[in-house]
PDB file of N, CA and C in Angstrom:
ATOM      1  N   UNK A   1       2.503  25.057 -41.490  1.00  0.00           N
ATOM      2  CA  UNK A   1       2.985  23.977 -40.647  1.00  0.00           C
ATOM      3  C   UNK A   1       4.031  24.492 -39.657  1.00  0.00           C
ATOM      4  N   UNK A   2       4.935  25.345 -40.122  1.00  0.00           N
ATOM      5  CA  UNK A   2       5.957  25.896 -39.231  1.00  0.00           C
ATOM      6  C   UNK A   2       5.316  26.706 -38.107  1.00  0.00           C
ATOM      7  N   UNK A   3       4.225  27.414 -38.422  1.00  0.00           N
ATOM      8  CA  UNK A   3       3.528  28.205 -37.401  1.00  0.00           C
ATOM      9  C   UNK A   3       2.931  27.287 -36.336  1.00  0.00           C
ATOM     10  N   UNK A   4       2.371  26.137 -36.761  1.00  0.00           N
ATOM     11  CA  UNK A   4       1.810  25.181 -35.793  1.00  0.00           C
ATOM     12  C   UNK A   4       2.900  24.634 -34.883  1.00  0.00           C
ATOM     13  N   UNK A   5       4.042  24.304 -35.473  1.00  0.00           N
ATOM     14  CA  UNK A   5       5.154  23.774 -34.700  1.00  0.00           C
ATOM     15  C   UNK A   5       5.658  24.815 -33.698  1.00  0.00           C
ATOM     16  N   UNK A   6       5.771  26.043 -34.132  1.00  0.00           N
ATOM     17  CA  UNK A   6       6.224  27.125 -33.251  1.00  0.00           C
ATOM     18  C   UNK A   6       5.251  27.329 -32.094  1.00  0.00           C
ATOM     19  N   UNK A   7       3.958  27.295 -32.394  1.00  0.00           N
ATOM     20  CA  UNK A   7       2.941  27.453 -31.352  1.00  0.00           C
ATOM     21  C   UNK A   7       2.995  26.299 -30.360  1.00  0.00           C
ATOM     22  N   UNK A   8       3.124  25.086 -30.889  1.00  0.00           N
ATOM     23  CA  UNK A   8       3.212  23.907 -30.023  1.00  0.00           C
ATOM     24  C   UNK A   8       4.437  24.009 -29.116  1.00  0.00           C
ATOM     25  N   UNK A   9       5.584  24.363 -29.684  1.00  0.00           N
ATOM     26  CA  UNK A   9       6.831  24.464 -28.926  1.00  0.00           C
ATOM     27  C   UNK A   9       6.714  25.508 -27.814  1.00  0.00           C
ATOM     28  N   UNK A  10       6.125  26.660 -28.128  1.00  0.00           N
ATOM     29  CA  UNK A  10       5.991  27.748 -27.151  1.00  0.00           C
ATOM     30  C   UNK A  10       5.062  27.367 -26.003  1.00  0.00           C
ATOM     31  N   UNK A  11       4.137  26.440 -26.254  1.00  0.00           N
ATOM     32  CA  UNK A  11       3.169  26.061 -25.221  1.00  0.00           C
ATOM     33  C   UNK A  11       3.681  24.967 -24.287  1.00  0.00           C
ATOM     34  N   UNK A  12       4.850  24.415 -24.553  1.00  0.00           N
ATOM     35  CA  UNK A  12       5.375  23.337 -23.710  1.00  0.00           C
ATOM     36  C   UNK A  12       5.693  23.848 -22.305  1.00  0.00           C
ATOM     37  N   UNK A  13       5.264  23.078 -21.313  1.00  0.00           N
ATOM     38  CA  UNK A  13       5.621  23.401 -19.928  1.00  0.00           C
ATOM     39  C   UNK A  13       7.038  22.879 -19.682  1.00  0.00           C
ATOM     40  N   UNK A  14       7.691  23.338 -18.622  1.00  0.00           N
ATOM     41  CA  UNK A  14       9.028  22.799 -18.308  1.00  0.00           C
ATOM     42  C   UNK A  14       9.025  21.279 -18.134  1.00  0.00           C
ATOM     43  N   UNK A  15       7.966  20.723 -17.525  1.00  0.00           N
ATOM     44  CA  UNK A  15       7.879  19.270 -17.352  1.00  0.00           C
ATOM     45  C   UNK A  15       7.759  18.570 -18.709  1.00  0.00           C
ATOM     46  N   UNK A  16       6.917  19.103 -19.587  1.00  0.00           N
ATOM     47  CA  UNK A  16       6.776  18.510 -20.918  1.00  0.00           C
ATOM     48  C   UNK A  16       8.078  18.604 -21.703  1.00  0.00           C
ATOM     49  N   UNK A  17       8.780  19.710 -21.543  1.00  0.00           N
ATOM     50  CA  UNK A  17      10.057  19.882 -22.223  1.00  0.00           C
ATOM     51  C   UNK A  17      11.093  18.877 -21.712  1.00  0.00           C
ATOM     52  N   UNK A  18      11.080  18.621 -20.403  1.00  0.00           N
ATOM     53  CA  UNK A  18      11.984  17.617 -19.824  1.00  0.00           C
ATOM     54  C   UNK A  18      11.694  16.239 -20.407  1.00  0.00           C
ATOM     55  N   UNK A  19      10.414  15.844 -20.438  1.00  0.00           N
ATOM     56  CA  UNK A  19      10.060  14.532 -20.981  1.00  0.00           C
ATOM     57  C   UNK A  19      10.353  14.425 -22.466  1.00  0.00           C
ATOM     58  N   UNK A  20      10.131  15.501 -23.190  1.00  0.00           N
ATOM     59  CA  UNK A  20      10.473  15.510 -24.611  1.00  0.00           C
ATOM     60  C   UNK A  20      11.983  15.319 -24.786  1.00  0.00           C
ATOM     61  N   UNK A  21      12.762  15.971 -23.940  1.00  0.00           N
ATOM     62  CA  UNK A  21      14.226  15.826 -23.992  1.00  0.00           C
ATOM     63  C   UNK A  21      14.652  14.395 -23.684  1.00  0.00           C
ATOM     64  N   UNK A  22      14.011  13.770 -22.705  1.00  0.00           N
ATOM     65  CA  UNK A  22      14.315  12.375 -22.363  1.00  0.00           C
ATOM     66  C   UNK A  22      14.015  11.473 -23.561  1.00  0.00           C
ATOM     67  N   UNK A  23      12.868  11.659 -24.183  1.00  0.00           N
ATOM     68  CA  UNK A  23      12.499  10.852 -25.337  1.00  0.00           C
ATOM     69  C   UNK A  23      13.437  11.054 -26.517  1.00  0.00           C
ATOM     70  N   UNK A  24      13.789  12.310 -26.779  1.00  0.00           N
ATOM     71  CA  UNK A  24      14.693  12.605 -27.896  1.00  0.00           C
ATOM     72  C   UNK A  24      16.102  12.076 -27.638  1.00  0.00           C
ATOM     73  N   UNK A  25      16.586  12.194 -26.401  1.00  0.00           N
ATOM     74  CA  UNK A  25      17.900  11.655 -26.066  1.00  0.00           C
ATOM     75  C   UNK A  25      17.905  10.137 -26.242  1.00  0.00           C
ATOM     76  N   UNK A  26      16.848   9.482 -25.773  1.00  0.00           N
ATOM     77  CA  UNK A  26      16.739   8.039 -25.943  1.00  0.00           C
ATOM     78  C   UNK A  26      16.749   7.649 -27.415  1.00  0.00           C
ATOM     79  N   UNK A  27      16.004   8.384 -28.218  1.00  0.00           N
ATOM     80  CA  UNK A  27      15.955   8.087 -29.651  1.00  0.00           C
ATOM     81  C   UNK A  27      17.308   8.334 -30.309  1.00  0.00           C
ATOM     82  N   UNK A  28      18.008   9.391 -29.878  1.00  0.00           N
ATOM     83  CA  UNK A  28      19.340   9.689 -30.433  1.00  0.00           C
ATOM     84  C   UNK A  28      20.331   8.580 -30.085  1.00  0.00           C
ATOM     85  N   UNK A  29      20.316   8.115 -28.830  1.00  0.00           N
ATOM     86  CA  UNK A  29      21.206   7.019 -28.425  1.00  0.00           C
ATOM     87  C   UNK A  29      20.875   5.746 -29.189  1.00  0.00           C
ATOM     88  N   UNK A  30      19.585   5.469 -29.320  1.00  0.00           N
ATOM     89  CA  UNK A  30      19.156   4.270 -30.020  1.00  0.00           C
ATOM     90  C   UNK A  30      19.580   4.325 -31.492  1.00  0.00           C
ATOM     91  N   UNK A  31      19.476   5.482 -32.105  1.00  0.00           N
ATOM     92  CA  UNK A  31      19.900   5.642 -33.504  1.00  0.00           C
ATOM     93  C   UNK A  31      21.414   5.601 -33.645  1.00  0.00           C
ATOM     94  N   UNK A  32      22.125   6.106 -32.651  1.00  0.00           N
ATOM     95  CA  UNK A  32      23.593   6.147 -32.703  1.00  0.00           C
ATOM     96  C   UNK A  32      24.188   4.743 -32.771  1.00  0.00           C
ATOM     97  N   UNK A  33      23.479   3.760 -32.250  1.00  0.00           N
ATOM     98  CA  UNK A  33      24.004   2.388 -32.273  1.00  0.00           C
ATOM     99  C   UNK A  33      24.197   1.904 -33.696  1.00  0.00           C
ATOM    100  N   UNK A  34      23.320   2.306 -34.609  1.00  0.00           N
ATOM    101  CA  UNK A  34      23.446   1.883 -36.011  1.00  0.00           C
ATOM    102  C   UNK A  34      24.608   2.587 -36.685  1.00  0.00           C
ATOM    103  N   UNK A  35      24.807   3.852 -36.362  1.00  0.00           N
ATOM    104  CA  UNK A  35      25.954   4.582 -36.928  1.00  0.00           C
ATOM    105  C   UNK A  35      27.251   3.952 -36.438  1.00  0.00           C
ATOM    106  N   UNK A  36      27.310   3.648 -35.132  1.00  0.00           N
ATOM    107  CA  UNK A  36      28.492   2.994 -34.566  1.00  0.00           C
ATOM    108  C   UNK A  36      28.750   1.659 -35.253  1.00  0.00           C
ATOM    109  N   UNK A  37      27.710   0.857 -35.388  1.00  0.00           N
ATOM    110  CA  UNK A  37      27.863  -0.466 -35.997  1.00  0.00           C
ATOM    111  C   UNK A  37      28.347  -0.335 -37.444  1.00  0.00           C
ATOM    112  N   UNK A  38      27.813   0.609 -38.160  1.00  0.00           N
ATOM    113  CA  UNK A  38      28.218   0.831 -39.544  1.00  0.00           C
ATOM    114  C   UNK A  38      29.697   1.230 -39.621  1.00  0.00           C
ATOM    115  N   UNK A  39      30.119   2.169 -38.763  1.00  0.00           N
ATOM    116  CA  UNK A  39      31.511   2.624 -38.774  1.00  0.00           C
ATOM    117  C   UNK A  39      32.475   1.494 -38.419  1.00  0.00           C
ATOM    118  N   UNK A  40      32.131   0.706 -37.403  1.00  0.00           N
ATOM    119  CA  UNK A  40      32.996  -0.407 -36.993  1.00  0.00           C
ATOM    120  C   UNK A  40      33.061  -1.460 -38.101  1.00  0.00           C
ATOM    121  N   UNK A  41      31.945  -1.728 -38.740  1.00  0.00           N
ATOM    122  CA  UNK A  41      31.917  -2.690 -39.846  1.00  0.00           C
ATOM    123  C   UNK A  41      32.764  -2.203 -41.009  1.00  0.00           C
ATOM    124  N   UNK A  42      32.653  -0.933 -41.354  1.00  0.00           N
ATOM    125  CA  UNK A  42      33.466  -0.382 -42.446  1.00  0.00           C
ATOM    126  C   UNK A  42      34.949  -0.461 -42.127  1.00  0.00           C
ATOM    127  N   UNK A  43      35.289  -0.167 -40.879  1.00  0.00           N
ATOM    128  CA  UNK A  43      36.698  -0.196 -40.481  1.00  0.00           C
ATOM    129  C   UNK A  43      37.265  -1.612 -40.541  1.00  0.00           C
ATOM    130  N   UNK A  44      36.499  -2.592 -40.084  1.00  0.00           N
ATOM    131  CA  UNK A  44      37.001  -3.969 -40.045  1.00  0.00           C
ATOM    132  C   UNK A  44      36.752  -4.721 -41.356  1.00  0.00           C
ATOM    133  N   UNK A  45      35.949  -4.144 -42.236  1.00  0.00           N
ATOM    134  CA  UNK A  45      35.622  -4.751 -43.529  1.00  0.00           C
ATOM    135  C   UNK A  45      34.906  -6.086 -43.385  1.00  0.00           C
ATOM    136  N   UNK A  46      34.177  -6.247 -42.274  1.00  0.00           N
ATOM    137  CA  UNK A  46      33.318  -7.410 -42.075  1.00  0.00           C
ATOM    138  C   UNK A  46      32.204  -7.000 -41.123  1.00  0.00           C
ATOM    139  N   UNK A  47      31.084  -7.689 -41.212  1.00  0.00           N
ATOM    140  CA  UNK A  47      29.947  -7.344 -40.364  1.00  0.00           C
ATOM    141  C   UNK A  47      30.307  -7.577 -38.900  1.00  0.00           C
ATOM    142  N   UNK A  48      30.201  -6.526 -38.113  1.00  0.00           N
ATOM    143  CA  UNK A  48      30.616  -6.561 -36.716  1.00  0.00           C
ATOM    144  C   UNK A  48      29.584  -5.835 -35.860  1.00  0.00           C
ATOM    145  N   UNK A  49      29.270  -6.409 -34.709  1.00  0.00           N
ATOM    146  CA  UNK A  49      28.400  -5.750 -33.735  1.00  0.00           C
ATOM    147  C   UNK A  49      29.241  -5.498 -32.491  1.00  0.00           C
ATOM    148  N   UNK A  50      29.690  -4.253 -32.299  1.00  0.00           N
ATOM    149  CA  UNK A  50      30.536  -3.968 -31.136  1.00  0.00           C
ATOM    150  C   UNK A  50      29.737  -4.018 -29.833  1.00  0.00           C
ATOM    151  N   UNK A  51      30.425  -4.245 -28.741  1.00  0.00           N
ATOM    152  CA  UNK A  51      29.796  -4.318 -27.418  1.00  0.00           C
ATOM    153  C   UNK A  51      29.014  -3.034 -27.118  1.00  0.00           C
ATOM    154  N   UNK A  52      29.551  -1.902 -27.517  1.00  0.00           N
ATOM    155  CA  UNK A  52      28.897  -0.616 -27.253  1.00  0.00           C
ATOM    156  C   UNK A  52      27.507  -0.553 -27.885  1.00  0.00           C
ATOM    157  N   UNK A  53      27.314  -1.278 -28.970  1.00  0.00           N
ATOM    158  CA  UNK A  53      26.012  -1.340 -29.637  1.00  0.00           C
ATOM    159  C   UNK A  53      24.929  -1.737 -28.641  1.00  0.00           C
ATOM    160  N   UNK A  54      25.218  -2.751 -27.809  1.00  0.00           N
ATOM    161  CA  UNK A  54      24.225  -3.256 -26.867  1.00  0.00           C
ATOM    162  C   UNK A  54      23.980  -2.276 -25.725  1.00  0.00           C
ATOM    163  N   UNK A  55      25.024  -1.582 -25.288  1.00  0.00           N
ATOM    164  CA  UNK A  55      24.835  -0.571 -24.241  1.00  0.00           C
ATOM    165  C   UNK A  55      24.006   0.601 -24.754  1.00  0.00           C
ATOM    166  N   UNK A  56      24.268   1.049 -25.982  1.00  0.00           N
ATOM    167  CA  UNK A  56      23.464   2.120 -26.578  1.00  0.00           C
ATOM    168  C   UNK A  56      22.023   1.667 -26.767  1.00  0.00           C
ATOM    169  N   UNK A  57      21.836   0.415 -27.183  1.00  0.00           N
ATOM    170  CA  UNK A  57      20.489  -0.136 -27.362  1.00  0.00           C
ATOM    171  C   UNK A  57      19.730  -0.121 -26.043  1.00  0.00           C
ATOM    172  N   UNK A  58      20.385  -0.596 -24.984  1.00  0.00           N
ATOM    173  CA  UNK A  58      19.729  -0.681 -23.677  1.00  0.00           C
ATOM    174  C   UNK A  58      19.413   0.701 -23.117  1.00  0.00           C
ATOM    175  N   UNK A  59      20.396   1.583 -23.116  1.00  0.00           N
ATOM    176  CA  UNK A  59      20.170   2.911 -22.558  1.00  0.00           C
ATOM    177  C   UNK A  59      19.135   3.693 -23.368  1.00  0.00           C
ATOM    178  N   UNK A  60      19.288   3.682 -24.677  1.00  0.00           N
ATOM    179  CA  UNK A  60      18.316   4.375 -25.530  1.00  0.00           C
ATOM    180  C   UNK A  60      16.931   3.783 -25.383  1.00  0.00           C
ATOM    181  N   UNK A  61      16.847   2.460 -25.363  1.00  0.00           N
ATOM    182  CA  UNK A  61      15.555   1.796 -25.213  1.00  0.00           C
ATOM    183  C   UNK A  61      14.885   2.106 -23.887  1.00  0.00           C
ATOM    184  N   UNK A  62      15.672   2.145 -22.807  1.00  0.00           N
ATOM    185  CA  UNK A  62      15.100   2.465 -21.492  1.00  0.00           C
ATOM    186  C   UNK A  62      14.572   3.899 -21.437  1.00  0.00           C
ATOM    187  N   UNK A  63      15.304   4.831 -22.046  1.00  0.00           N
ATOM    188  CA  UNK A  63      14.840   6.219 -22.056  1.00  0.00           C
ATOM    189  C   UNK A  63      13.567   6.373 -22.891  1.00  0.00           C
ATOM    190  N   UNK A  64      13.519   5.716 -24.044  1.00  0.00           N
ATOM    191  CA  UNK A  64      12.305   5.777 -24.869  1.00  0.00           C
ATOM    192  C   UNK A  64      11.150   5.069 -24.153  1.00  0.00           C
ATOM    193  N   UNK A  65      11.451   3.976 -23.454  1.00  0.00           N
ATOM    194  CA  UNK A  65      10.425   3.284 -22.670  1.00  0.00           C
ATOM    195  C   UNK A  65       9.872   4.206 -21.580  1.00  0.00           C
ATOM    196  N   UNK A  66      10.749   4.908 -20.877  1.00  0.00           N
ATOM    197  CA  UNK A  66      10.301   5.851 -19.840  1.00  0.00           C
ATOM    198  C   UNK A  66       9.411   6.933 -20.447  1.00  0.00           C
ATOM    199  N   UNK A  67       9.806   7.438 -21.599  1.00  0.00           N
ATOM    200  CA  UNK A  67       9.007   8.446 -22.296  1.00  0.00           C
ATOM    201  C   UNK A  67       7.641   7.865 -22.676  1.00  0.00           C
ATOM    202  N   UNK A  68       7.636   6.642 -23.199  1.00  0.00           N
ATOM    203  CA  UNK A  68       6.377   6.003 -23.574  1.00  0.00           C
ATOM    204  C   UNK A  68       5.475   5.754 -22.373  1.00  0.00           C
ATOM    205  N   UNK A  69       6.067   5.381 -21.244  1.00  0.00           N
ATOM    206  CA  UNK A  69       5.285   5.198 -20.015  1.00  0.00           C
ATOM    207  C   UNK A  69       4.687   6.517 -19.554  1.00  0.00           C
ATOM    208  N   UNK A  70       5.472   7.581 -19.626  1.00  0.00           N
ATOM    209  CA  UNK A  70       4.973   8.898 -19.233  1.00  0.00           C
ATOM    210  C   UNK A  70       3.789   9.311 -20.105  1.00  0.00           C
ATOM    211  N   UNK A  71       3.899   9.060 -21.372  1.00  0.00           N
ATOM    212  CA  UNK A  71       2.828   9.439 -22.310  1.00  0.00           C
ATOM    213  C   UNK A  71       1.690   8.422 -22.357  1.00  0.00           C
ATOM    214  N   UNK A  72       1.946   7.230 -21.773  1.00  0.00           N
ATOM    215  CA  UNK A  72       0.984   6.121 -21.845  1.00  0.00           C
ATOM    216  C   UNK A  72       0.622   5.834 -23.304  1.00  0.00           C
ATOM    217  N   UNK A  73       1.674   5.738 -24.126  1.00  0.00           N
ATOM    218  CA  UNK A  73       1.517   5.528 -25.564  1.00  0.00           C
ATOM    219  C   UNK A  73       1.774   4.056 -25.883  1.00  0.00           C
ATOM    220  N   UNK A  74       0.732   3.297 -26.226  1.00  0.00           N
ATOM    221  CA  UNK A  74       0.920   1.862 -26.457  1.00  0.00           C
ATOM    222  C   UNK A  74       1.843   1.556 -27.639  1.00  0.00           C
ATOM    223  N   UNK A  75       1.875   2.405 -28.641  1.00  0.00           N
ATOM    224  CA  UNK A  75       2.752   2.165 -29.794  1.00  0.00           C
ATOM    225  C   UNK A  75       4.219   2.215 -29.351  1.00  0.00           C
ATOM    226  N   UNK A  76       4.579   3.213 -28.566  1.00  0.00           N
ATOM    227  CA  UNK A  76       5.956   3.332 -28.066  1.00  0.00           C
ATOM    228  C   UNK A  76       6.269   2.175 -27.120  1.00  0.00           C
ATOM    229  N   UNK A  77       5.333   1.858 -26.228  1.00  0.00           N
ATOM    230  CA  UNK A  77       5.564   0.797 -25.245  1.00  0.00           C
ATOM    231  C   UNK A  77       5.768  -0.558 -25.914  1.00  0.00           C
ATOM    232  N   UNK A  78       4.943  -0.895 -26.877  1.00  0.00           N
ATOM    233  CA  UNK A  78       5.089  -2.178 -27.573  1.00  0.00           C
ATOM    234  C   UNK A  78       6.415  -2.222 -28.326  1.00  0.00           C
ATOM    235  N   UNK A  79       6.831  -1.087 -28.877  1.00  0.00           N
ATOM    236  CA  UNK A  79       8.083  -1.026 -29.626  1.00  0.00           C
ATOM    237  C   UNK A  79       9.327  -1.183 -28.774  1.00  0.00           C
ATOM    238  N   UNK A  80       9.186  -1.103 -27.461  1.00  0.00           N
ATOM    239  CA  UNK A  80      10.354  -1.172 -26.588  1.00  0.00           C
ATOM    240  C   UNK A  80      10.514  -2.506 -25.881  1.00  0.00           C
ATOM    241  N   UNK A  81       9.813  -3.541 -26.327  1.00  0.00           N
ATOM    242  CA  UNK A  81      10.015  -4.867 -25.739  1.00  0.00           C
ATOM    243  C   UNK A  81      11.425  -5.378 -25.975  1.00  0.00           C
ATOM    244  N   UNK A  82      12.114  -4.818 -26.954  1.00  0.00           N
ATOM    245  CA  UNK A  82      13.498  -5.198 -27.227  1.00  0.00           C
ATOM    246  C   UNK A  82      14.431  -4.920 -26.067  1.00  0.00           C
ATOM    247  N   UNK A  83      14.023  -4.056 -25.142  1.00  0.00           N
ATOM    248  CA  UNK A  83      14.848  -3.734 -23.975  1.00  0.00           C
ATOM    249  C   UNK A  83      15.222  -5.003 -23.218  1.00  0.00           C
ATOM    250  N   UNK A  84      14.312  -5.973 -23.196  1.00  0.00           N
ATOM    251  CA  UNK A  84      14.593  -7.244 -22.515  1.00  0.00           C
ATOM    252  C   UNK A  84      15.765  -7.953 -23.200  1.00  0.00           C
ATOM    253  N   UNK A  85      15.764  -7.964 -24.509  1.00  0.00           N
ATOM    254  CA  UNK A  85      16.846  -8.606 -25.267  1.00  0.00           C
ATOM    255  C   UNK A  85      18.156  -7.853 -25.075  1.00  0.00           C
ATOM    256  N   UNK A  86      18.100  -6.525 -25.106  1.00  0.00           N
ATOM    257  CA  UNK A  86      19.322  -5.729 -24.929  1.00  0.00           C
ATOM    258  C   UNK A  86      19.905  -5.966 -23.538  1.00  0.00           C
ATOM    259  N   UNK A  87      19.038  -6.010 -22.526  1.00  0.00           N
ATOM    260  CA  UNK A  87      19.504  -6.249 -21.155  1.00  0.00           C
ATOM    261  C   UNK A  87      20.135  -7.636 -21.039  1.00  0.00           C
ATOM    262  N   UNK A  88      19.540  -8.602 -21.690  1.00  0.00           N
ATOM    263  CA  UNK A  88      20.081  -9.962 -21.641  1.00  0.00           C
ATOM    264  C   UNK A  88      21.451 -10.024 -22.304  1.00  0.00           C
ATOM    265  N   UNK A  89      21.611  -9.345 -23.430  1.00  0.00           N
ATOM    266  CA  UNK A  89      22.916  -9.317 -24.095  1.00  0.00           C
ATOM    267  C   UNK A  89      23.961  -8.625 -23.231  1.00  0.00           C
ATOM    268  N   UNK A  90      23.587  -7.519 -22.591  1.00  0.00           N
ATOM    269  CA  UNK A  90      24.525  -6.831 -21.695  1.00  0.00           C
ATOM    270  C   UNK A  90      24.877  -7.735 -20.519  1.00  0.00           C
ATOM    271  N   UNK A  91      23.908  -8.488 -20.005  1.00  0.00           N
ATOM    272  CA  UNK A  91      24.174  -9.447 -18.930  1.00  0.00           C
ATOM    273  C   UNK A  91      25.226 -10.463 -19.365  1.00  0.00           C
ATOM    274  N   UNK A  92      25.060 -11.039 -20.556  1.00  0.00           N
ATOM    275  CA  UNK A  92      26.028 -12.019 -21.053  1.00  0.00           C
ATOM    276  C   UNK A  92      27.403 -11.397 -21.261  1.00  0.00           C
ATOM    277  N   UNK A  93      27.445 -10.185 -21.769  1.00  0.00           N
ATOM    278  CA  UNK A  93      28.721  -9.496 -21.991  1.00  0.00           C
ATOM    279  C   UNK A  93      29.434  -9.288 -20.664  1.00  0.00           C
ATOM    280  N   UNK A  94      28.695  -8.782 -19.669  1.00  0.00           N
ATOM    281  CA  UNK A  94      29.313  -8.520 -18.364  1.00  0.00           C
ATOM    282  C   UNK A  94      29.731  -9.815 -17.677  1.00  0.00           C
ATOM    283  N   UNK A  95      28.939 -10.865 -17.826  1.00  0.00           N
ATOM    284  CA  UNK A  95      29.299 -12.152 -17.235  1.00  0.00           C
ATOM    285  C   UNK A  95      30.568 -12.695 -17.884  1.00  0.00           C
ATOM    286  N   UNK A  96      30.658 -12.590 -19.199  1.00  0.00           N
ATOM    287  CA  UNK A  96      31.844 -13.067 -19.902  1.00  0.00           C
ATOM    288  C   UNK A  96      33.077 -12.263 -19.496  1.00  0.00           C
ATOM    289  N   UNK A  97      32.920 -10.944 -19.342  1.00  0.00           N
ATOM    290  CA  UNK A  97      34.047 -10.120 -18.904  1.00  0.00           C
ATOM    291  C   UNK A  97      34.484 -10.505 -17.508  1.00  0.00           C
ATOM    292  N   UNK A  98      33.544 -10.854 -16.649  1.00  0.00           N
ATOM    293  CA  UNK A  98      33.874 -11.296 -15.296  1.00  0.00           C
ATOM    294  C   UNK A  98      34.593 -12.625 -15.285  1.00  0.00           C
ATOM    295  N   UNK A  99      34.234 -13.502 -16.215  1.00  0.00           N
ATOM    296  CA  UNK A  99      34.884 -14.808 -16.289  1.00  0.00           C
ATOM    297  C   UNK A  99      36.301 -14.710 -16.818  1.00  0.00           C
ATOM    298  N   UNK A 100      36.576 -13.721 -17.680  1.00  0.00           N
ATOM    299  CA  UNK A 100      37.912 -13.599 -18.247  1.00  0.00           C
ATOM    300  C   UNK A 100      38.860 -12.858 -17.308  1.00  0.00           C
ATOM    301  N   UNK A 101      38.305 -12.105 -16.368  1.00  0.00           N
ATOM    302  CA  UNK A 101      39.165 -11.426 -15.397  1.00  0.00           C
ATOM    303  C   UNK A 101      39.597 -12.442 -14.351  1.00  0.00           C
ATOM    304  N   UNK A 102      40.873 -12.516 -14.069  1.00  0.00           N
ATOM    305  CA  UNK A 102      41.406 -13.462 -13.100  1.00  0.00           C
ATOM    306  C   UNK A 102      41.732 -12.722 -11.812  1.00  0.00           C
ATOM    307  N   UNK A 103      41.219 -13.239 -10.719  1.00  0.00           N
ATOM    308  CA  UNK A 103      41.518 -12.656  -9.417  1.00  0.00           C
ATOM    309  C   UNK A 103      42.752 -13.368  -8.881  1.00  0.00           C
ATOM    310  N   UNK A 104      43.730 -12.594  -8.457  1.00  0.00           N
ATOM    311  CA  UNK A 104      45.004 -13.153  -7.997  1.00  0.00           C
ATOM    312  C   UNK A 104      45.071 -13.103  -6.481  1.00  0.00           C
ATOM    313  N   UNK A 105      45.468 -14.218  -5.933  1.00  0.00           N
ATOM    314  CA  UNK A 105      45.748 -14.300  -4.508  1.00  0.00           C
ATOM    315  C   UNK A 105      47.268 -14.217  -4.380  1.00  0.00           C
ATOM    316  N   UNK A 106      47.811 -13.099  -3.834  1.00  0.00           N
ATOM    317  CA  UNK A 106      49.264 -12.929  -3.777  1.00  0.00           C
ATOM    318  C   UNK A 106      49.987 -14.039  -3.039  1.00  0.00           C
ATOM    319  N   UNK A 107      49.297 -14.746  -2.164  1.00  0.00           N
ATOM    320  CA  UNK A 107      49.980 -15.803  -1.411  1.00  0.00           C
ATOM    321  C   UNK A 107      50.031 -17.122  -2.199  1.00  0.00           C
ATOM    322  N   UNK A 108      49.364 -17.161  -3.334  1.00  0.00           N
ATOM    323  CA  UNK A 108      49.352 -18.368  -4.145  1.00  0.00           C
ATOM    324  C   UNK A 108      50.665 -18.471  -4.945  1.00  0.00           C
ATOM    325  N   UNK A 109      51.397 -19.592  -4.827  1.00  0.00           N
ATOM    326  CA  UNK A 109      52.661 -19.731  -5.558  1.00  0.00           C
ATOM    327  C   UNK A 109      52.439 -19.756  -7.072  1.00  0.00           C
ATOM    328  N   UNK A 110      53.337 -19.130  -7.795  1.00  0.00           N
ATOM    329  CA  UNK A 110      53.309 -19.141  -9.251  1.00  0.00           C
ATOM    330  C   UNK A 110      52.414 -18.090  -9.869  1.00  0.00           C
ATOM    331  N   UNK A 111      51.656 -17.348  -9.065  1.00  0.00           N
ATOM    332  CA  UNK A 111      50.785 -16.320  -9.601  1.00  0.00           C
ATOM    333  C   UNK A 111      51.488 -14.965  -9.522  1.00  0.00           C
ATOM    334  N   UNK A 112      51.801 -14.391 -10.679  1.00  0.00           N
ATOM    335  CA  UNK A 112      52.548 -13.148 -10.696  1.00  0.00           C
ATOM    336  C   UNK A 112      51.736 -11.955 -11.139  1.00  0.00           C
ATOM    337  N   UNK A 113      50.715 -12.145 -11.996  1.00  0.00           N
ATOM    338  CA  UNK A 113      49.936 -11.018 -12.475  1.00  0.00           C
ATOM    339  C   UNK A 113      48.522 -11.465 -12.788  1.00  0.00           C
ATOM    340  N   UNK A 114      47.652 -10.498 -12.924  1.00  0.00           N
ATOM    341  CA  UNK A 114      46.249 -10.772 -13.250  1.00  0.00           C
ATOM    342  C   UNK A 114      45.948 -10.319 -14.665  1.00  0.00           C
ATOM    343  N   UNK A 115      45.105 -11.054 -15.326  1.00  0.00           N
ATOM    344  CA  UNK A 115      44.627 -10.666 -16.637  1.00  0.00           C
ATOM    345  C   UNK A 115      43.300  -9.948 -16.440  1.00  0.00           C
ATOM    346  N   UNK A 116      43.200  -8.688 -16.906  1.00  0.00           N
ATOM    347  CA  UNK A 116      41.961  -7.934 -16.715  1.00  0.00           C
ATOM    348  C   UNK A 116      41.559  -7.241 -17.968  1.00  0.00           C
TER     349      UNK A 116
END
């Protein structure tokens, strides 16, 4: 088996190696979200989903989706429909952050600082 793997690896073209790297990076980012969530939960001693979880999900999912599109692999493509959910969660997070940031007009009386 190791000989087959070595032969396969040696036969990769630079383009195939690039796409393999994109797919592996996407999978690593996607997997890292669970490690992050576990560490944050252990630290807070309650189940917690940090904001970074959704960014890792989206970025990892998009990279794996790109890899699946390149390979035209229906199993990978169907598995990445979650990207829509991750993008929607990131949209809500960014919208909420925008709503909590206060824009200050210096000429407005009583306004001394901005909350950001």
